Protein backbone atom coordinates (compact mmCIF):
# COMPACT_ATOMS: atom_id res chain seq x y z
CA UNK A 1 37.80 147.97 -20.70
CA UNK A 2 41.59 147.32 -20.90
CA UNK A 3 44.02 150.19 -21.28
CA UNK A 4 47.80 149.95 -21.25
CA UNK A 5 49.58 153.29 -20.93
CA UNK A 6 53.28 153.74 -21.73
CA UNK A 7 53.88 150.16 -20.60
CA UNK A 8 57.45 148.87 -20.51
CA UNK A 9 58.96 145.69 -19.12
CA UNK A 10 62.68 145.10 -18.59
CA UNK A 11 64.24 141.86 -17.40
CA UNK A 12 67.57 141.86 -15.63
CA UNK A 13 70.03 138.97 -15.51
CA UNK A 14 73.66 138.08 -15.17
CA UNK A 15 74.37 139.02 -18.77
CA UNK A 16 72.62 142.37 -18.55
CA UNK A 17 69.13 143.67 -19.23
CA UNK A 18 66.53 142.88 -21.88
CA UNK A 19 63.67 145.23 -22.67
CA UNK A 20 60.75 142.98 -23.61
CA UNK A 21 58.17 145.79 -23.97
CA UNK A 22 58.78 149.42 -24.83
CA UNK A 23 56.22 152.18 -24.43
CA UNK A 24 53.09 150.14 -25.16
CA UNK A 25 49.88 152.15 -25.56
CA UNK A 26 46.84 149.98 -26.20
CA UNK A 27 43.08 150.27 -25.74
CA UNK A 28 40.88 147.18 -25.91
CA UNK A 29 37.15 147.87 -25.80
CA UNK A 30 34.56 145.73 -24.03
CA UNK A 31 33.39 142.92 -26.30
CA UNK A 32 36.45 142.98 -28.55
CA UNK A 33 38.29 139.89 -29.70
CA UNK A 34 41.63 141.64 -29.88
CA UNK A 35 44.63 139.92 -31.43
CA UNK A 36 48.24 140.53 -30.44
CA UNK A 37 50.27 139.13 -33.32
CA UNK A 38 54.00 138.92 -33.85
CA UNK A 39 56.88 136.58 -34.42
CA UNK A 40 58.55 134.58 -31.63
CA UNK A 41 60.34 136.86 -29.19
CA UNK A 42 58.26 139.91 -30.07
CA UNK A 43 57.00 140.26 -26.47
CA UNK A 44 53.46 138.93 -26.93
CA UNK A 45 53.33 136.66 -23.90
CA UNK A 46 54.96 139.27 -21.69
CA UNK A 47 52.32 141.78 -22.74
CA UNK A 48 49.38 139.51 -21.97
CA UNK A 49 50.89 138.50 -18.61
CA UNK A 50 51.12 142.18 -17.70
CA UNK A 51 47.34 142.47 -18.12
CA UNK A 52 46.63 140.07 -15.23
CA UNK A 53 49.84 141.13 -13.45
CA UNK A 54 51.55 137.76 -13.63
CA UNK A 55 54.32 140.08 -14.81
CA UNK A 56 54.74 143.48 -13.20
CA UNK A 57 55.48 146.28 -15.68
CA UNK A 58 58.71 148.16 -15.10
CA UNK A 59 57.04 151.38 -16.20
CA UNK A 60 53.54 152.47 -17.18
CA UNK A 61 50.03 151.57 -16.05
CA UNK A 62 47.44 148.83 -16.49
CA UNK A 63 43.83 149.99 -16.26
CA UNK A 64 40.80 147.67 -16.17
CA UNK A 65 37.38 149.32 -16.42
CA UNK A 66 39.04 152.67 -15.77
CA UNK A 67 40.75 151.55 -12.55
CA UNK A 68 44.53 151.58 -12.23
CA UNK A 69 45.31 148.02 -11.11
CA UNK A 70 49.09 148.19 -11.59
CA UNK A 71 49.89 148.23 -7.88
CA UNK A 72 47.25 145.70 -6.78
CA UNK A 73 48.39 143.18 -4.19
CA UNK A 74 46.80 140.60 -1.91
CA UNK A 75 43.00 140.43 -1.91
CA UNK A 76 42.63 143.16 -4.53
CA UNK A 77 44.87 141.24 -6.93
CA UNK A 78 43.11 137.94 -6.21
CA UNK A 79 39.73 139.49 -6.96
CA UNK A 80 41.07 141.03 -10.18
CA UNK A 81 42.38 137.68 -11.36
CA UNK A 82 39.01 136.04 -10.68
CA UNK A 83 37.58 138.36 -13.34
CA UNK A 84 40.24 137.35 -15.89
CA UNK A 85 40.29 133.83 -17.33
CA UNK A 86 43.37 132.48 -19.08
CA UNK A 87 44.07 129.58 -21.42
CA UNK A 88 47.48 128.37 -22.56
CA UNK A 89 49.07 126.43 -25.38
CA UNK A 90 49.77 123.38 -23.19
CA UNK A 91 46.25 123.22 -21.63
CA UNK A 92 47.68 123.13 -18.02
CA UNK A 93 45.14 120.60 -16.75
CA UNK A 94 45.50 118.61 -13.53
CA UNK A 95 46.17 115.07 -14.70
CA UNK A 96 45.05 113.49 -11.42
CA UNK A 97 41.65 115.22 -11.55
CA UNK A 98 38.68 114.26 -13.69
CA UNK A 99 37.47 116.67 -16.34
CA UNK A 100 34.62 117.75 -14.06
CA UNK A 101 36.93 118.41 -11.12
CA UNK A 102 39.34 120.36 -13.34
CA UNK A 103 36.52 122.74 -14.23
CA UNK A 104 35.43 122.93 -10.59
CA UNK A 105 38.91 123.87 -9.37
CA UNK A 106 38.60 127.71 -9.56
CA UNK A 107 35.29 127.47 -7.70
CA UNK A 108 36.85 125.32 -5.01
CA UNK A 109 39.49 128.00 -4.48
CA UNK A 110 36.64 130.41 -3.73
CA UNK A 111 35.11 127.88 -1.31
CA UNK A 112 31.98 127.62 -3.44
CA UNK A 113 29.41 125.10 -2.22
CA UNK A 114 30.23 121.70 -3.78
CA UNK A 115 26.79 121.17 -5.29
CA UNK A 116 26.81 124.67 -6.78
CA UNK A 117 30.35 124.21 -8.13
CA UNK A 118 29.45 120.88 -9.71
CA UNK A 119 26.32 122.33 -11.30
CA UNK A 120 28.31 125.23 -12.75
CA UNK A 121 31.01 122.90 -14.07
CA UNK A 122 28.46 120.64 -15.77
CA UNK A 123 26.84 123.69 -17.36
CA UNK A 124 30.21 124.80 -18.76
CA UNK A 125 31.09 121.35 -20.05
CA UNK A 126 27.82 121.38 -21.96
CA UNK A 127 28.70 124.82 -23.35
CA UNK A 128 32.02 123.57 -24.74
CA UNK A 129 30.55 120.35 -26.12
CA UNK A 130 31.87 117.92 -23.49
CA UNK A 131 28.74 117.18 -21.47
CA UNK A 132 29.47 113.43 -21.54
CA UNK A 133 33.17 113.66 -20.60
CA UNK A 134 32.98 114.79 -16.98
CA UNK A 135 34.20 111.51 -15.50
CA UNK A 136 37.16 111.17 -17.90
CA UNK A 137 40.76 112.13 -17.14
CA UNK A 138 42.77 114.52 -19.35
CA UNK A 139 44.97 111.71 -20.67
CA UNK A 140 41.86 110.08 -22.13
CA UNK A 141 41.02 113.15 -24.24
CA UNK A 142 42.32 114.50 -27.54
CA UNK A 143 44.23 117.78 -27.64
CA UNK A 144 41.19 119.68 -28.83
CA UNK A 145 39.03 118.21 -26.08
CA UNK A 146 41.64 119.12 -23.46
CA UNK A 147 41.64 122.71 -24.69
CA UNK A 148 37.84 122.75 -24.41
CA UNK A 149 38.20 121.67 -20.77
CA UNK A 150 40.70 124.49 -20.24
CA UNK A 151 38.25 126.96 -21.77
CA UNK A 152 35.44 125.72 -19.52
CA UNK A 153 37.70 126.07 -16.48
CA UNK A 154 38.68 129.60 -17.52
CA UNK A 155 34.97 130.51 -17.60
CA UNK A 156 34.17 129.07 -14.16
CA UNK A 157 34.28 132.42 -12.35
CA UNK A 158 32.23 134.28 -14.99
CA UNK A 159 35.21 136.37 -16.12
CA UNK A 160 34.82 139.64 -17.99
CA UNK A 161 38.10 139.06 -19.81
CA UNK A 162 39.75 135.97 -21.28
CA UNK A 163 43.43 135.88 -22.20
CA UNK A 164 44.36 133.27 -24.82
CA UNK A 165 48.12 132.73 -25.06
CA UNK A 166 48.83 130.74 -28.26
CA UNK A 167 45.81 128.62 -27.33
CA UNK A 168 45.69 126.72 -30.64
CA UNK A 169 49.40 126.39 -31.44
CA UNK A 170 49.54 122.73 -30.38
CA UNK A 171 46.45 121.74 -32.39
CA UNK A 172 45.94 120.57 -35.97
CA UNK A 173 44.22 122.78 -38.53
CA UNK A 174 40.70 121.35 -38.21
CA UNK A 175 40.81 121.37 -34.41
CA UNK A 176 42.17 124.92 -34.41
CA UNK A 177 39.26 126.02 -36.59
CA UNK A 178 36.76 124.39 -34.20
CA UNK A 179 38.35 125.94 -31.08
CA UNK A 180 38.40 129.40 -32.67
CA UNK A 181 34.73 129.05 -33.57
CA UNK A 182 34.01 128.11 -29.96
CA UNK A 183 35.88 131.18 -28.67
CA UNK A 184 33.97 133.40 -31.08
CA UNK A 185 30.65 131.90 -29.94
CA UNK A 186 31.59 132.48 -26.28
CA UNK A 187 32.46 136.08 -27.08
CA UNK A 188 29.10 136.63 -28.77
CA UNK A 189 26.91 134.73 -26.32
CA UNK A 190 28.57 135.71 -23.03
CA UNK A 191 30.06 139.07 -23.99
CA UNK A 192 33.52 138.08 -22.76
CA UNK A 193 36.29 140.40 -23.97
CA UNK A 194 39.12 138.33 -25.42
CA UNK A 195 42.81 139.02 -25.96
CA UNK A 196 44.27 136.48 -28.39
CA UNK A 197 48.05 136.07 -28.51
CA UNK A 198 49.19 134.41 -31.74
CA UNK A 199 51.92 134.27 -34.35
CA UNK A 200 49.42 133.03 -36.94
CA UNK A 201 47.83 135.36 -39.46
CA UNK A 202 45.01 132.90 -40.16
CA UNK A 203 44.10 132.65 -36.46
CA UNK A 204 43.89 136.43 -36.15
CA UNK A 205 41.85 136.72 -39.35
CA UNK A 206 39.37 134.04 -38.29
CA UNK A 207 38.53 135.24 -34.81
CA UNK A 208 39.79 138.81 -34.14
CA UNK A 209 37.92 142.01 -35.00
CA UNK A 210 41.00 144.11 -34.16
CA UNK A 211 44.73 143.43 -34.01
CA UNK A 212 47.98 144.99 -32.88
CA UNK A 213 51.25 143.93 -34.49
CA UNK A 214 54.09 143.63 -31.99
CA UNK A 215 57.72 143.68 -33.11
CA UNK A 216 60.71 143.71 -30.75
CA UNK A 217 58.55 144.94 -27.89
CA UNK A 218 56.93 147.79 -29.83
CA UNK A 219 53.43 148.03 -31.32
CA UNK A 220 54.16 148.96 -34.92
CA UNK A 221 50.59 148.88 -36.19
CA UNK A 222 47.06 148.39 -34.88
CA UNK A 223 43.47 148.68 -36.05
CA UNK A 224 40.66 146.67 -37.62
CA UNK A 225 41.95 143.26 -38.68
CA UNK A 226 40.87 143.59 -42.31
CA UNK A 227 42.49 147.02 -42.61
CA UNK A 228 45.80 146.07 -40.98
CA UNK A 229 46.29 142.95 -43.10
CA UNK A 230 44.71 144.38 -46.24
CA UNK A 231 46.78 147.56 -46.23
CA UNK A 232 49.90 146.90 -44.11
CA UNK A 233 51.91 149.99 -43.19
CA UNK A 234 54.89 148.44 -41.38
CA UNK A 235 57.63 146.11 -42.52
CA UNK A 236 56.88 143.79 -39.59
CA UNK A 237 53.28 143.34 -40.76
CA UNK A 238 54.38 142.77 -44.35
CA UNK A 239 56.87 140.18 -43.09
CA UNK A 240 54.10 138.31 -41.24
CA UNK A 241 51.87 138.33 -44.32
CA UNK A 242 54.74 137.14 -46.52
CA UNK A 243 55.53 134.27 -44.13
CA UNK A 244 51.87 133.24 -44.14
CA UNK A 245 52.01 133.03 -47.94
CA UNK A 246 55.30 131.11 -47.91
CA UNK A 247 57.19 134.05 -49.43
CA UNK A 248 60.22 136.06 -48.45
CA UNK A 249 59.62 139.73 -47.71
CA UNK A 250 61.25 140.72 -51.02
CA UNK A 251 59.05 138.28 -52.96
CA UNK A 252 55.92 139.60 -51.25
CA UNK A 253 56.83 143.24 -51.93
CA UNK A 254 57.65 142.44 -55.57
CA UNK A 255 54.29 140.67 -55.98
CA UNK A 256 52.45 143.68 -54.56
CA UNK A 257 54.09 145.98 -57.12
CA UNK A 258 53.90 143.64 -60.12
CA UNK A 259 52.64 145.63 -63.14
CA UNK A 260 49.51 144.47 -64.87
CA UNK A 261 47.63 145.54 -67.98
CA UNK A 262 43.97 146.37 -67.86
CA UNK A 263 41.98 144.86 -70.73
CA UNK A 264 38.81 146.75 -71.59
CA UNK A 265 35.61 144.75 -71.50
CA UNK A 266 34.27 143.69 -74.89
CA UNK A 267 30.56 144.35 -75.46
CA UNK A 268 28.40 141.22 -75.41
CA UNK A 269 27.10 141.94 -78.92
CA UNK A 270 30.62 141.91 -80.35
CA UNK A 271 31.44 138.66 -78.55
CA UNK A 272 28.28 137.05 -79.91
CA UNK A 273 29.02 138.16 -83.47
CA UNK A 274 32.56 136.86 -83.22
CA UNK A 275 31.34 133.53 -81.94
CA UNK A 276 28.94 133.12 -84.83
CA UNK A 277 31.69 133.97 -87.33
CA UNK A 278 33.96 131.44 -85.66
CA UNK A 279 31.34 128.72 -86.05
CA UNK A 280 30.90 129.63 -89.70
CA UNK A 281 34.63 129.43 -90.32
CA UNK A 282 34.95 126.01 -88.73
CA UNK A 283 31.95 124.58 -90.50
CA UNK A 284 33.29 125.89 -93.83
CA UNK A 285 36.51 123.97 -93.25
CA UNK A 286 38.57 127.01 -92.30
CA UNK A 287 41.54 125.69 -90.30
CA UNK A 288 41.51 128.86 -88.22
CA UNK A 289 38.45 127.44 -86.44
CA UNK A 290 38.91 124.72 -83.81
CA UNK A 291 36.74 122.42 -81.79
CA UNK A 292 37.79 124.41 -78.74
CA UNK A 293 35.84 127.33 -80.16
CA UNK A 294 33.07 125.35 -81.80
CA UNK A 295 32.01 123.15 -78.89
CA UNK A 296 31.20 125.85 -76.33
CA UNK A 297 29.47 127.96 -78.97
CA UNK A 298 27.34 125.05 -80.12
CA UNK A 299 26.50 124.39 -76.49
CA UNK A 300 25.40 127.98 -76.09
CA UNK A 301 23.25 127.67 -79.23
CA UNK A 302 21.55 124.56 -77.89
CA UNK A 303 23.93 121.82 -78.97
CA UNK A 304 24.12 119.78 -82.19
CA UNK A 305 20.82 119.11 -83.83
């Protein structure tokens, strides 16, 4: 579906050059919800913008469905971008347009019949849970509702791919959870391949089946989400996990190597015999017995009679 081969991106400025991406090799299969995770400045947004060619790679190739699209221009590029939806952190809605007309906008660009465009937009608003909000303006909606409008708009052209660039970063925890569930449902129901850019471990764990960890423009680790985060191989991944737990890297590493002592299981018959002896000791006035032992044992025996 999406293949990046030896992809590099260098920016030039008055103070010199900055290499944002270095030798990226990545394969995202059709139907994946693929996470690109890394700290700020890792190159995540540059990478995702290279997929729809909002940024042109300095070196390497971008392939979509086996076709090299790196050099696309004009009509070819416009058609490619119609097949790729995109949602952003700041929603990017037109404030002067109603919710319905925001969703209709991509269809208007294609000169779709107005009645057909309106019907499609209403269908998508129903899909994202905003069927009754079509006549509202963005300013009248909550942040979560605005992101739902942005998702509906991104789906207007029936895209094969959706790029989500920190799409939940501006939302609270509960709203983030709801939006991620919506994205997962869209992936399952419509078969849209998703690329999710995030700095959040919890976001990647909730919605992504695969992830790649990006650090200083290099992919340092990639694979199934559970495997990458459950058995991290790179320092960058361990650093992300540590930050998610509120630990420094040293604290996280120390916790992973903390020694522990295995205690063999005690047979149930021995436990039962010990409990009976404990009850006998307490009832005989032995100070070694305590109510803390007696009460749960009595409860297990059926309580006081």
